[in-house]
Amino acid sequence: MSKILIIRFSSFGDIVQCMSSVLAIKNKYPNSEIHWCARSDLSEVLSMSDDIFKVWTIEQNSSFWELLHLANTLRQQNFDLIYDAHSNIRSHILGIILCPMAKLFNLNRFAMRKKQRIKRILLFKFKINLFNKPFKGMISYQEPLKKWNIETLTEFKLDWTPQDIKTKHNIAIIPSAAWDMKKWPLDYWKKLIELLKDQQITILGGPNDTFCQELAAINPTCVTNMAGKLSLIQSCAVISQANLVISADTGLLHVADILGVKALALIGPTAFGFPTNKQVKTLEVDLNCRPCTKDGRGHCHQDIYQLCMIDLTPEMVGLEIKRLLKY
């Protein structure tokens, strides 16, 4: 039985997308024992997969010596295969300690997902796109595994028995995002809730998303605001029970994707937030400036700020919802 370590510390959305590699590994090597190294505050997310044998954690602001201690602990596990899915300084240090010869000479024991920085510079600075279009993160996390003869899965569903979260909702919406430029406008969310007046809606978000109360107030009978009231894994459980999820480029969108839940993805300026599975419908507009950012950081160069999101009107989204839910 192969003993495999995946290194991906963060972020929430990237960890969810990287979990597709677990499905691919198990599809090829069903008896493999998969370990994962993640940031401690995100380790709970990995409980969505029963195929992960053990999660090793590290604090976000850990010292170099704490990293070395973790490396020495992991070294005692004698992993057969190591996949660096993060490719940053800390993951490189772990790779060198755990697998020095493979790290230096690219031997078969070690695989790494590269950042492809030159391609990113060409895309964002010169509008020369050498990435697959659309770029699907879940596919990209599986591609380095080809050296282990692991086939890339283009459709998958993560089997997960969630916590018993009781909800009455039909639709889950995620109106927030880590960066403002990729958020759908607040007024559009308000209009959409008015259009969905007969639907049971749950709002998901973080503790700082106080604006979500404004959305809930539009239709208190049908809209429940759970922003800031649930843990990440509880929010994932709500997603798993939804008939439809509506979100911009967020980690919870990728949760819907990997769990096989129907979703509408409102994709604007970002390059790497596209979903993979067919049950997720991507809504986007064709603008020459897109994509202009990796994750929503930066500045909009259009005369109308967020034109790529502004042009995705509530009426367009409402029509897609009717089509998907058949009402």
C-alpha atoms as a PDB file:
ATOM      1  CA  MET A   1       0.000   0.000   0.000  1.00  0.00           C
ATOM      2  CA  SER A   2       1.367   3.433  -0.978  1.00  0.00           C
ATOM      3  CA  LYS A   3       1.716   5.992   1.782  1.00  0.00           C
ATOM      4  CA  ILE A   4       1.238   9.448   0.266  1.00  0.00           C
ATOM      5  CA  LEU A   5       1.652  12.961   1.685  1.00  0.00           C
ATOM      6  CA  ILE A   6      -0.073  16.004   0.165  1.00  0.00           C
ATOM      7  CA  ILE A   7       1.255  19.409   1.212  1.00  0.00           C
ATOM      8  CA  ARG A   8      -1.241  22.234   0.807  1.00  0.00           C
ATOM      9  CA  PHE A   9      -1.402  24.648   3.739  1.00  0.00           C
ATOM     10  CA  SER A  10      -4.071  27.097   2.546  1.00  0.00           C
ATOM     11  CA  SER A  11      -6.276  28.799   1.418  1.00  0.00           C
ATOM     12  CA  PHE A  12      -9.781  27.453   1.964  1.00  0.00           C
ATOM     13  CA  GLY A  13     -10.719  27.472  -1.722  1.00  0.00           C
ATOM     14  CA  ASP A  14      -7.404  25.997  -2.816  1.00  0.00           C
ATOM     15  CA  ILE A  15      -7.613  23.199  -0.276  1.00  0.00           C
ATOM     16  CA  VAL A  16     -11.100  22.309  -1.502  1.00  0.00           C
ATOM     17  CA  GLN A  17      -9.940  22.281  -5.124  1.00  0.00           C
ATOM     18  CA  CYS A  18      -6.841  20.268  -4.226  1.00  0.00           C
ATOM     19  CA  MET A  19      -9.072  17.630  -2.620  1.00  0.00           C
ATOM     20  CA  SER A  20      -9.852  16.534  -6.176  1.00  0.00           C
ATOM     21  CA  SER A  21      -6.360  15.019  -6.199  1.00  0.00           C
ATOM     22  CA  VAL A  22      -7.395  12.714  -3.341  1.00  0.00           C
ATOM     23  CA  LEU A  23     -10.225  11.376  -5.483  1.00  0.00           C
ATOM     24  CA  ALA A  24      -7.842  10.856  -8.401  1.00  0.00           C
ATOM     25  CA  ILE A  25      -5.296   9.037  -6.219  1.00  0.00           C
ATOM     26  CA  LYS A  26      -7.938   6.764  -4.716  1.00  0.00           C
ATOM     27  CA  ASN A  27      -9.325   6.038  -8.163  1.00  0.00           C
ATOM     28  CA  LYS A  28      -5.903   4.678  -9.195  1.00  0.00           C
ATOM     29  CA  TYR A  29      -4.675   3.341  -5.851  1.00  0.00           C
ATOM     30  CA  PRO A  30      -7.746   2.518  -3.731  1.00  0.00           C
ATOM     31  CA  ASN A  31      -5.653   1.039  -0.902  1.00  0.00           C
ATOM     32  CA  SER A  32      -3.313   4.007  -0.557  1.00  0.00           C
ATOM     33  CA  GLU A  33      -2.963   5.811   2.782  1.00  0.00           C
ATOM     34  CA  ILE A  34      -3.223   9.557   2.177  1.00  0.00           C
ATOM     35  CA  HIS A  35      -1.878  12.098   4.658  1.00  0.00           C
ATOM     36  CA  TRP A  36      -2.233  15.885   4.343  1.00  0.00           C
ATOM     37  CA  CYS A  37      -0.254  18.797   5.767  1.00  0.00           C
ATOM     38  CA  ALA A  38      -2.418  21.903   6.233  1.00  0.00           C
ATOM     39  CA  ARG A  39      -2.676  25.079   8.249  1.00  0.00           C
ATOM     40  CA  SER A  40      -4.304  24.317  11.584  1.00  0.00           C
ATOM     41  CA  ASP A  41      -7.251  26.689  11.146  1.00  0.00           C
ATOM     42  CA  LEU A  42      -8.205  24.992   7.868  1.00  0.00           C
ATOM     43  CA  SER A  43      -7.593  21.371   8.838  1.00  0.00           C
ATOM     44  CA  GLU A  44     -11.257  20.814   9.724  1.00  0.00           C
ATOM     45  CA  VAL A  45     -12.222  21.266   6.070  1.00  0.00           C
ATOM     46  CA  LEU A  46     -10.329  18.098   5.198  1.00  0.00           C
ATOM     47  CA  SER A  47     -12.761  16.082   7.299  1.00  0.00           C
ATOM     48  CA  MET A  48     -15.075  16.295   4.281  1.00  0.00           C
ATOM     49  CA  SER A  49     -13.041  13.458   2.796  1.00  0.00           C
ATOM     50  CA  ASP A  50     -13.095  10.037   4.418  1.00  0.00           C
ATOM     51  CA  ASP A  51     -10.176   9.102   2.148  1.00  0.00           C
ATOM     52  CA  ILE A  52      -7.697  11.251   4.113  1.00  0.00           C
ATOM     53  CA  PHE A  53      -6.074   9.055   6.743  1.00  0.00           C
ATOM     54  CA  LYS A  54      -4.414  11.774   8.845  1.00  0.00           C
ATOM     55  CA  VAL A  55      -4.041  15.573   8.798  1.00  0.00           C
ATOM     56  CA  TRP A  56      -0.780  17.111  10.025  1.00  0.00           C
ATOM     57  CA  THR A  57      -1.094  20.752  11.018  1.00  0.00           C
ATOM     58  CA  ILE A  58       1.027  23.852  11.307  1.00  0.00           C
ATOM     59  CA  GLU A  59       0.114  27.276  12.675  1.00  0.00           C
ATOM     60  CA  GLN A  60      -0.201  30.209  10.283  1.00  0.00           C
ATOM     61  CA  ASN A  61       2.612  32.187  11.948  1.00  0.00           C
ATOM     62  CA  SER A  62       4.778  29.247  12.898  1.00  0.00           C
ATOM     63  CA  SER A  63       8.507  29.774  13.297  1.00  0.00           C
ATOM     64  CA  PHE A  64      11.232  28.187  11.206  1.00  0.00           C
ATOM     65  CA  TRP A  65      12.057  25.856  14.090  1.00  0.00           C
ATOM     66  CA  GLU A  66       8.455  24.727  14.389  1.00  0.00           C
ATOM     67  CA  LEU A  67       8.517  23.958  10.662  1.00  0.00           C
ATOM     68  CA  LEU A  68      11.689  21.897  11.138  1.00  0.00           C
ATOM     69  CA  HIS A  69      10.061  20.022  14.008  1.00  0.00           C
ATOM     70  CA  LEU A  70       7.087  19.180  11.772  1.00  0.00           C
ATOM     71  CA  ALA A  71       9.454  18.093   8.985  1.00  0.00           C
ATOM     72  CA  ASN A  72      11.308  15.736  11.320  1.00  0.00           C
ATOM     73  CA  THR A  73       8.019  14.294  12.557  1.00  0.00           C
ATOM     74  CA  LEU A  74       6.811  13.723   9.006  1.00  0.00           C
ATOM     75  CA  ARG A  75      10.134  12.192   8.024  1.00  0.00           C
ATOM     76  CA  GLN A  76       9.532   9.397  10.503  1.00  0.00           C
ATOM     77  CA  GLN A  77       6.400   8.433   8.553  1.00  0.00           C
ATOM     78  CA  ASN A  78       8.509   7.195   5.599  1.00  0.00           C
ATOM     79  CA  PHE A  79       6.138   8.327   2.868  1.00  0.00           C
ATOM     80  CA  ASP A  80       6.374   6.505  -0.450  1.00  0.00           C
ATOM     81  CA  LEU A  81       5.149   9.522  -2.448  1.00  0.00           C
ATOM     82  CA  ILE A  82       5.111  13.254  -1.666  1.00  0.00           C
ATOM     83  CA  TYR A  83       3.037  15.848  -3.524  1.00  0.00           C
ATOM     84  CA  ASP A  84       3.870  19.516  -2.944  1.00  0.00           C
ATOM     85  CA  ALA A  85       0.625  21.153  -4.052  1.00  0.00           C
ATOM     86  CA  HIS A  86       1.541  24.526  -2.545  1.00  0.00           C
ATOM     87  CA  SER A  87       4.997  25.343  -3.892  1.00  0.00           C
ATOM     88  CA  ASN A  88       5.991  28.083  -1.469  1.00  0.00           C
ATOM     89  CA  ILE A  89       9.023  28.517   0.780  1.00  0.00           C
ATOM     90  CA  ARG A  90       7.625  26.413   3.625  1.00  0.00           C
ATOM     91  CA  SER A  91       6.538  23.559   1.370  1.00  0.00           C
ATOM     92  CA  HIS A  92       9.937  23.623  -0.364  1.00  0.00           C
ATOM     93  CA  ILE A  93      11.662  23.262   3.018  1.00  0.00           C
ATOM     94  CA  LEU A  94       9.468  20.287   3.872  1.00  0.00           C
ATOM     95  CA  GLY A  95      10.171  18.738   0.483  1.00  0.00           C
ATOM     96  CA  ILE A  96      13.937  19.108   0.826  1.00  0.00           C
ATOM     97  CA  ILE A  97      13.941  17.517   4.292  1.00  0.00           C
ATOM     98  CA  LEU A  98      11.494  14.729   3.467  1.00  0.00           C
ATOM     99  CA  CYS A  99      12.791  13.876   0.047  1.00  0.00           C
ATOM    100  CA  PRO A 100      16.161  15.594  -0.633  1.00  0.00           C
ATOM    101  CA  MET A 101      17.277  13.568  -3.650  1.00  0.00           C
ATOM    102  CA  ALA A 102      13.895  13.721  -5.348  1.00  0.00           C
ATOM    103  CA  LYS A 103      13.689  17.470  -4.734  1.00  0.00           C
ATOM    104  CA  LEU A 104      17.085  18.021  -6.322  1.00  0.00           C
ATOM    105  CA  PHE A 105      16.802  15.579  -9.208  1.00  0.00           C
ATOM    106  CA  ASN A 106      13.026  15.417  -9.784  1.00  0.00           C
ATOM    107  CA  LEU A 107      12.867  11.685  -9.140  1.00  0.00           C
ATOM    108  CA  ASN A 108       9.579   9.828  -9.314  1.00  0.00           C
ATOM    109  CA  ARG A 109       8.918   9.894  -5.575  1.00  0.00           C
ATOM    110  CA  PHE A 110       8.240  13.647  -5.555  1.00  0.00           C
ATOM    111  CA  ALA A 111       5.627  15.686  -7.486  1.00  0.00           C
ATOM    112  CA  MET A 112       5.027  19.430  -7.392  1.00  0.00           C
ATOM    113  CA  ARG A 113       2.360  21.803  -8.695  1.00  0.00           C
ATOM    114  CA  LYS A 114       4.233  24.763 -10.124  1.00  0.00           C
ATOM    115  CA  LYS A 115       3.083  28.369  -9.762  1.00  0.00           C
ATOM    116  CA  GLN A 116       3.633  29.096 -13.486  1.00  0.00           C
ATOM    117  CA  ARG A 117       4.676  32.644 -12.685  1.00  0.00           C
ATOM    118  CA  ILE A 118       5.832  33.499 -16.211  1.00  0.00           C
ATOM    119  CA  LYS A 119       2.427  32.547 -17.592  1.00  0.00           C
ATOM    120  CA  ARG A 120       0.784  34.707 -14.929  1.00  0.00           C
ATOM    121  CA  ILE A 121       2.923  37.709 -15.823  1.00  0.00           C
ATOM    122  CA  LEU A 122       2.104  37.269 -19.515  1.00  0.00           C
ATOM    123  CA  LEU A 123      -1.602  37.041 -18.720  1.00  0.00           C
ATOM    124  CA  PHE A 124      -2.017  39.896 -16.263  1.00  0.00           C
ATOM    125  CA  LYS A 125       0.575  42.301 -17.677  1.00  0.00           C
ATOM    126  CA  PHE A 126       0.404  41.624 -21.409  1.00  0.00           C
ATOM    127  CA  LYS A 127      -2.958  39.847 -21.890  1.00  0.00           C
ATOM    128  CA  ILE A 128      -1.262  36.811 -23.415  1.00  0.00           C
ATOM    129  CA  ASN A 129      -3.149  33.785 -22.098  1.00  0.00           C
ATOM    130  CA  LEU A 130      -1.214  30.516 -22.222  1.00  0.00           C
ATOM    131  CA  PHE A 131      -3.419  28.856 -19.602  1.00  0.00           C
ATOM    132  CA  ASN A 132      -6.261  26.520 -20.465  1.00  0.00           C
ATOM    133  CA  LYS A 133      -9.433  28.521 -20.965  1.00  0.00           C
ATOM    134  CA  PRO A 134     -11.350  28.327 -18.765  1.00  0.00           C
ATOM    135  CA  PHE A 135      -8.717  27.468 -16.167  1.00  0.00           C
ATOM    136  CA  LYS A 136     -10.124  24.797 -13.854  1.00  0.00           C
ATOM    137  CA  GLY A 137      -8.295  24.625 -10.551  1.00  0.00           C
ATOM    138  CA  MET A 138      -9.413  21.108  -9.692  1.00  0.00           C
ATOM    139  CA  ILE A 139      -7.936  19.841 -12.940  1.00  0.00           C
ATOM    140  CA  SER A 140      -4.677  21.736 -12.385  1.00  0.00           C
ATOM    141  CA  TYR A 141      -4.219  20.134  -8.967  1.00  0.00           C
ATOM    142  CA  GLN A 142      -4.414  16.678 -10.511  1.00  0.00           C
ATOM    143  CA  GLU A 143      -2.087  17.244 -13.468  1.00  0.00           C
ATOM    144  CA  PRO A 144       1.215  16.849 -11.523  1.00  0.00           C
ATOM    145  CA  LEU A 145       0.051  13.368 -10.507  1.00  0.00           C
ATOM    146  CA  LYS A 146       0.383  12.097 -14.062  1.00  0.00           C
ATOM    147  CA  LYS A 147       4.008  11.176 -13.281  1.00  0.00           C
ATOM    148  CA  TRP A 148       2.563   8.548 -10.930  1.00  0.00           C
ATOM    149  CA  ASN A 149       0.296   7.241 -13.720  1.00  0.00           C
ATOM    150  CA  ILE A 150      -2.750   8.776 -12.047  1.00  0.00           C
ATOM    151  CA  GLU A 151      -5.456   9.704 -14.531  1.00  0.00           C
ATOM    152  CA  THR A 152      -6.947  13.194 -14.334  1.00  0.00           C
ATOM    153  CA  LEU A 153     -10.634  13.132 -13.408  1.00  0.00           C
ATOM    154  CA  THR A 154     -12.799  15.679 -15.196  1.00  0.00           C
ATOM    155  CA  GLU A 155     -15.971  14.781 -13.299  1.00  0.00           C
ATOM    156  CA  PHE A 156     -16.159  13.720  -9.698  1.00  0.00           C
ATOM    157  CA  LYS A 157     -18.211  13.876  -6.531  1.00  0.00           C
ATOM    158  CA  LEU A 158     -16.862  13.823  -3.013  1.00  0.00           C
ATOM    159  CA  ASP A 159     -18.837  11.449  -0.810  1.00  0.00           C
ATOM    160  CA  TRP A 160     -19.330  13.187   2.518  1.00  0.00           C
ATOM    161  CA  THR A 161     -21.652  12.680   5.463  1.00  0.00           C
ATOM    162  CA  PRO A 162     -21.994  16.197   6.888  1.00  0.00           C
ATOM    163  CA  GLN A 163     -22.888  17.366  10.327  1.00  0.00           C
ATOM    164  CA  ASP A 164     -26.589  17.368  11.060  1.00  0.00           C
ATOM    165  CA  ILE A 165     -27.354  20.992  10.218  1.00  0.00           C
ATOM    166  CA  LYS A 166     -31.100  21.550  10.051  1.00  0.00           C
ATOM    167  CA  THR A 167     -32.108  24.097   7.434  1.00  0.00           C
ATOM    168  CA  LYS A 168     -35.326  24.874   5.629  1.00  0.00           C
ATOM    169  CA  HIS A 169     -33.630  26.549   2.699  1.00  0.00           C
ATOM    170  CA  ASN A 170     -33.850  25.765  -0.965  1.00  0.00           C
ATOM    171  CA  ILE A 171     -31.121  28.138  -2.124  1.00  0.00           C
ATOM    172  CA  ALA A 172     -27.827  29.055  -0.441  1.00  0.00           C
ATOM    173  CA  ILE A 173     -26.223  32.355  -1.428  1.00  0.00           C
ATOM    174  CA  ILE A 174     -22.712  33.613  -0.696  1.00  0.00           C
ATOM    175  CA  PRO A 175     -22.752  37.394  -1.249  1.00  0.00           C
ATOM    176  CA  SER A 176     -19.273  38.059   0.150  1.00  0.00           C
ATOM    177  CA  ALA A 177     -15.753  37.299  -1.069  1.00  0.00           C
ATOM    178  CA  ALA A 178     -12.200  37.822   0.111  1.00  0.00           C
ATOM    179  CA  TRP A 179     -11.626  40.741  -2.294  1.00  0.00           C
ATOM    180  CA  ASP A 180     -14.090  43.440  -3.319  1.00  0.00           C
ATOM    181  CA  MET A 181     -13.464  43.367  -7.049  1.00  0.00           C
ATOM    182  CA  LYS A 182     -14.887  39.861  -7.470  1.00  0.00           C
ATOM    183  CA  LYS A 183     -18.021  40.507  -5.382  1.00  0.00           C
ATOM    184  CA  TRP A 184     -21.381  40.753  -7.091  1.00  0.00           C
ATOM    185  CA  PRO A 185     -22.870  44.199  -6.217  1.00  0.00           C
ATOM    186  CA  LEU A 186     -24.926  44.342  -3.034  1.00  0.00           C
ATOM    187  CA  ASP A 187     -27.853  46.026  -4.817  1.00  0.00           C
ATOM    188  CA  TYR A 188     -27.933  43.096  -7.228  1.00  0.00           C
ATOM    189  CA  TRP A 189     -28.226  40.616  -4.363  1.00  0.00           C
ATOM    190  CA  LYS A 190     -31.094  42.694  -2.971  1.00  0.00           C
ATOM    191  CA  LYS A 191     -32.858  42.684  -6.321  1.00  0.00           C
ATOM    192  CA  LEU A 192     -32.323  38.941  -6.707  1.00  0.00           C
ATOM    193  CA  ILE A 193     -33.894  38.257  -3.301  1.00  0.00           C
ATOM    194  CA  GLU A 194     -36.904  40.303  -4.383  1.00  0.00           C
ATOM    195  CA  LEU A 195     -37.142  38.207  -7.558  1.00  0.00           C
ATOM    196  CA  LEU A 196     -36.935  35.011  -5.482  1.00  0.00           C
ATOM    197  CA  LYS A 197     -39.671  36.070  -3.081  1.00  0.00           C
ATOM    198  CA  ASP A 198     -41.152  32.544  -2.776  1.00  0.00           C
ATOM    199  CA  GLN A 199     -37.845  30.697  -2.302  1.00  0.00           C
ATOM    200  CA  GLN A 200     -36.316  29.714   1.028  1.00  0.00           C
ATOM    201  CA  ILE A 201     -32.813  31.250   1.096  1.00  0.00           C
ATOM    202  CA  THR A 202     -29.901  30.883   3.510  1.00  0.00           C
ATOM    203  CA  ILE A 203     -27.124  33.476   3.479  1.00  0.00           C
ATOM    204  CA  LEU A 204     -23.605  32.252   4.247  1.00  0.00           C
ATOM    205  CA  GLY A 205     -20.622  34.412   5.106  1.00  0.00           C
ATOM    206  CA  GLY A 206     -18.132  35.431   7.741  1.00  0.00           C
ATOM    207  CA  PRO A 207     -18.483  37.398  10.996  1.00  0.00           C
ATOM    208  CA  ASN A 208     -17.440  40.647   9.272  1.00  0.00           C
ATOM    209  CA  ASP A 209     -20.155  40.404   6.624  1.00  0.00           C
ATOM    210  CA  THR A 210     -22.616  42.512   8.610  1.00  0.00           C
ATOM    211  CA  PHE A 211     -24.233  43.769   5.399  1.00  0.00           C
ATOM    212  CA  CYS A 212     -25.894  40.352   5.092  1.00  0.00           C
ATOM    213  CA  GLN A 213     -28.465  41.494   7.625  1.00  0.00           C
ATOM    214  CA  GLU A 214     -29.673  44.038   5.057  1.00  0.00           C
ATOM    215  CA  LEU A 215     -30.347  41.186   2.662  1.00  0.00           C
ATOM    216  CA  ALA A 216     -32.211  39.136   5.251  1.00  0.00           C
ATOM    217  CA  ALA A 217     -34.387  42.132   6.125  1.00  0.00           C
ATOM    218  CA  ILE A 218     -35.783  42.257   2.578  1.00  0.00           C
ATOM    219  CA  ASN A 219     -37.811  39.093   3.162  1.00  0.00           C
ATOM    220  CA  PRO A 220     -37.435  37.861   6.770  1.00  0.00           C
ATOM    221  CA  THR A 221     -39.995  35.096   6.264  1.00  0.00           C
ATOM    222  CA  CYS A 222     -37.990  33.383   3.536  1.00  0.00           C
ATOM    223  CA  VAL A 223     -34.397  34.542   4.105  1.00  0.00           C
ATOM    224  CA  THR A 224     -32.219  33.289   6.967  1.00  0.00           C
ATOM    225  CA  ASN A 225     -28.941  35.063   7.676  1.00  0.00           C
ATOM    226  CA  MET A 226     -26.288  32.600   8.914  1.00  0.00           C
ATOM    227  CA  ALA A 227     -23.287  34.818   8.108  1.00  0.00           C
ATOM    228  CA  GLY A 228     -20.817  34.624  10.978  1.00  0.00           C
ATOM    229  CA  LYS A 229     -22.908  32.054  12.854  1.00  0.00           C
ATOM    230  CA  LEU A 230     -21.421  28.864  11.437  1.00  0.00           C
ATOM    231  CA  SER A 231     -17.983  27.317  11.245  1.00  0.00           C
ATOM    232  CA  LEU A 232     -16.478  26.542   7.857  1.00  0.00           C
ATOM    233  CA  ILE A 233     -17.428  22.891   8.094  1.00  0.00           C
ATOM    234  CA  GLN A 234     -20.976  23.791   9.157  1.00  0.00           C
ATOM    235  CA  SER A 235     -21.244  26.109   6.156  1.00  0.00           C
ATOM    236  CA  CYS A 236     -20.097  23.219   3.991  1.00  0.00           C
ATOM    237  CA  ALA A 237     -22.890  21.122   5.493  1.00  0.00           C
ATOM    238  CA  VAL A 238     -25.437  23.776   4.540  1.00  0.00           C
ATOM    239  CA  ILE A 239     -24.039  23.786   1.003  1.00  0.00           C
ATOM    240  CA  SER A 240     -24.384  19.993   0.813  1.00  0.00           C
ATOM    241  CA  GLN A 241     -28.127  20.234   1.552  1.00  0.00           C
ATOM    242  CA  ALA A 242     -28.928  23.044  -0.883  1.00  0.00           C
ATOM    243  CA  ASN A 243     -30.845  22.542  -4.114  1.00  0.00           C
ATOM    244  CA  LEU A 244     -28.868  25.438  -5.575  1.00  0.00           C
ATOM    245  CA  VAL A 245     -25.884  27.575  -4.556  1.00  0.00           C
ATOM    246  CA  ILE A 246     -25.256  31.062  -5.944  1.00  0.00           C
ATOM    247  CA  SER A 247     -21.809  32.541  -5.475  1.00  0.00           C
ATOM    248  CA  ALA A 248     -19.006  34.510  -7.027  1.00  0.00           C
ATOM    249  CA  ASP A 249     -15.463  33.062  -6.963  1.00  0.00           C
ATOM    250  CA  THR A 250     -15.356  31.799  -3.360  1.00  0.00           C
ATOM    251  CA  GLY A 251     -14.230  28.725  -1.490  1.00  0.00           C
ATOM    252  CA  LEU A 252     -17.842  27.713  -0.839  1.00  0.00           C
ATOM    253  CA  LEU A 253     -18.491  27.726  -4.589  1.00  0.00           C
ATOM    254  CA  HIS A 254     -15.776  25.085  -4.919  1.00  0.00           C
ATOM    255  CA  VAL A 255     -17.396  23.137  -2.076  1.00  0.00           C
ATOM    256  CA  ALA A 256     -20.624  22.978  -4.093  1.00  0.00           C
ATOM    257  CA  ASP A 257     -18.581  21.931  -7.114  1.00  0.00           C
ATOM    258  CA  ILE A 258     -16.770  19.046  -5.438  1.00  0.00           C
ATOM    259  CA  LEU A 259     -19.873  17.847  -3.531  1.00  0.00           C
ATOM    260  CA  GLY A 260     -21.916  17.644  -6.730  1.00  0.00           C
ATOM    261  CA  VAL A 261     -24.405  20.372  -5.741  1.00  0.00           C
ATOM    262  CA  LYS A 262     -26.042  22.520  -8.416  1.00  0.00           C
ATOM    263  CA  ALA A 263     -24.612  26.029  -8.455  1.00  0.00           C
ATOM    264  CA  LEU A 264     -24.409  29.275 -10.383  1.00  0.00           C
ATOM    265  CA  ALA A 265     -20.903  30.732 -10.513  1.00  0.00           C
ATOM    266  CA  LEU A 266     -20.775  34.498 -11.071  1.00  0.00           C
ATOM    267  CA  ILE A 267     -17.288  34.883 -12.514  1.00  0.00           C
ATOM    268  CA  GLY A 268     -15.856  38.293 -13.309  1.00  0.00           C
ATOM    269  CA  PRO A 269     -12.252  39.519 -13.021  1.00  0.00           C
ATOM    270  CA  THR A 270     -10.562  36.397 -11.631  1.00  0.00           C
ATOM    271  CA  ALA A 271      -8.612  33.909 -13.718  1.00  0.00           C
ATOM    272  CA  PHE A 272      -8.562  30.779 -11.575  1.00  0.00           C
ATOM    273  CA  GLY A 273     -12.004  30.498  -9.960  1.00  0.00           C
ATOM    274  CA  PHE A 274     -13.842  28.519 -12.622  1.00  0.00           C
ATOM    275  CA  PRO A 275     -15.746  25.410 -11.478  1.00  0.00           C
ATOM    276  CA  THR A 276     -15.182  21.972 -13.004  1.00  0.00           C
ATOM    277  CA  ASN A 277     -18.250  19.761 -12.739  1.00  0.00           C
ATOM    278  CA  LYS A 278     -21.145  20.059 -15.161  1.00  0.00           C
ATOM    279  CA  GLN A 279     -23.751  20.702 -12.475  1.00  0.00           C
ATOM    280  CA  VAL A 280     -22.191  24.136 -11.893  1.00  0.00           C
ATOM    281  CA  LYS A 281     -23.181  26.756 -14.463  1.00  0.00           C
ATOM    282  CA  THR A 282     -20.755  29.634 -15.036  1.00  0.00           C
ATOM    283  CA  LEU A 283     -22.219  33.044 -15.817  1.00  0.00           C
ATOM    284  CA  GLU A 284     -19.785  35.529 -17.335  1.00  0.00           C
ATOM    285  CA  VAL A 285     -19.572  38.325 -19.891  1.00  0.00           C
ATOM    286  CA  ASP A 286     -17.093  38.587 -22.737  1.00  0.00           C
ATOM    287  CA  LEU A 287     -14.757  41.524 -22.111  1.00  0.00           C
ATOM    288  CA  ASN A 288     -11.234  41.934 -23.501  1.00  0.00           C
ATOM    289  CA  CYS A 289      -9.932  42.968 -20.075  1.00  0.00           C
ATOM    290  CA  ARG A 290     -10.879  39.654 -18.480  1.00  0.00           C
ATOM    291  CA  PRO A 291      -9.266  38.112 -16.555  1.00  0.00           C
ATOM    292  CA  CYS A 292      -7.356  40.920 -14.874  1.00  0.00           C
ATOM    293  CA  THR A 293      -6.475  39.400 -11.504  1.00  0.00           C
ATOM    294  CA  LYS A 294      -5.551  36.126  -9.846  1.00  0.00           C
ATOM    295  CA  ASP A 295      -7.958  36.349  -6.927  1.00  0.00           C
ATOM    296  CA  GLY A 296      -9.698  39.731  -6.953  1.00  0.00           C
ATOM    297  CA  ARG A 297      -6.855  41.942  -5.783  1.00  0.00           C
ATOM    298  CA  GLY A 298      -5.893  44.922  -7.886  1.00  0.00           C
ATOM    299  CA  HIS A 299      -7.707  47.702  -9.727  1.00  0.00           C
ATOM    300  CA  CYS A 300     -10.443  47.730 -12.332  1.00  0.00           C
ATOM    301  CA  HIS A 301      -9.348  49.577 -15.482  1.00  0.00           C
ATOM    302  CA  GLN A 302     -12.825  49.989 -16.935  1.00  0.00           C
ATOM    303  CA  ASP A 303     -14.608  53.346 -16.849  1.00  0.00           C
ATOM    304  CA  ILE A 304     -17.424  51.536 -15.074  1.00  0.00           C
ATOM    305  CA  TYR A 305     -16.014  49.826 -11.998  1.00  0.00           C
ATOM    306  CA  GLN A 306     -16.579  46.059 -12.044  1.00  0.00           C
ATOM    307  CA  LEU A 307     -18.177  46.131 -15.472  1.00  0.00           C
ATOM    308  CA  CYS A 308     -17.685  42.362 -15.767  1.00  0.00           C
ATOM    309  CA  MET A 309     -19.850  41.883 -12.673  1.00  0.00           C
ATOM    310  CA  ILE A 310     -22.261  44.772 -13.362  1.00  0.00           C
ATOM    311  CA  ASP A 311     -23.210  43.199 -16.690  1.00  0.00           C
ATOM    312  CA  LEU A 312     -24.339  40.029 -14.888  1.00  0.00           C
ATOM    313  CA  THR A 313     -27.760  41.399 -14.026  1.00  0.00           C
ATOM    314  CA  PRO A 314     -30.145  40.012 -11.397  1.00  0.00           C
ATOM    315  CA  GLU A 315     -32.644  39.298 -14.173  1.00  0.00           C
ATOM    316  CA  MET A 316     -30.065  37.114 -15.981  1.00  0.00           C
ATOM    317  CA  VAL A 317     -29.322  35.225 -12.783  1.00  0.00           C
ATOM    318  CA  GLY A 318     -33.016  34.881 -11.977  1.00  0.00           C
ATOM    319  CA  LEU A 319     -33.724  33.279 -15.351  1.00  0.00           C
ATOM    320  CA  GLU A 320     -30.915  30.764 -14.827  1.00  0.00           C
ATOM    321  CA  ILE A 321     -32.288  29.917 -11.381  1.00  0.00           C
ATOM    322  CA  LYS A 322     -35.712  29.204 -12.856  1.00  0.00           C
ATOM    323  CA  ARG A 323     -34.146  26.994 -15.492  1.00  0.00           C
ATOM    324  CA  LEU A 324     -32.076  25.029 -12.988  1.00  0.00           C
ATOM    325  CA  LEU A 325     -34.812  24.610 -10.384  1.00  0.00           C
ATOM    326  CA  LYS A 326     -37.588  24.207 -12.976  1.00  0.00           C
ATOM    327  CA  TYR A 327     -40.205  26.390 -11.354  1.00  0.00           C
END
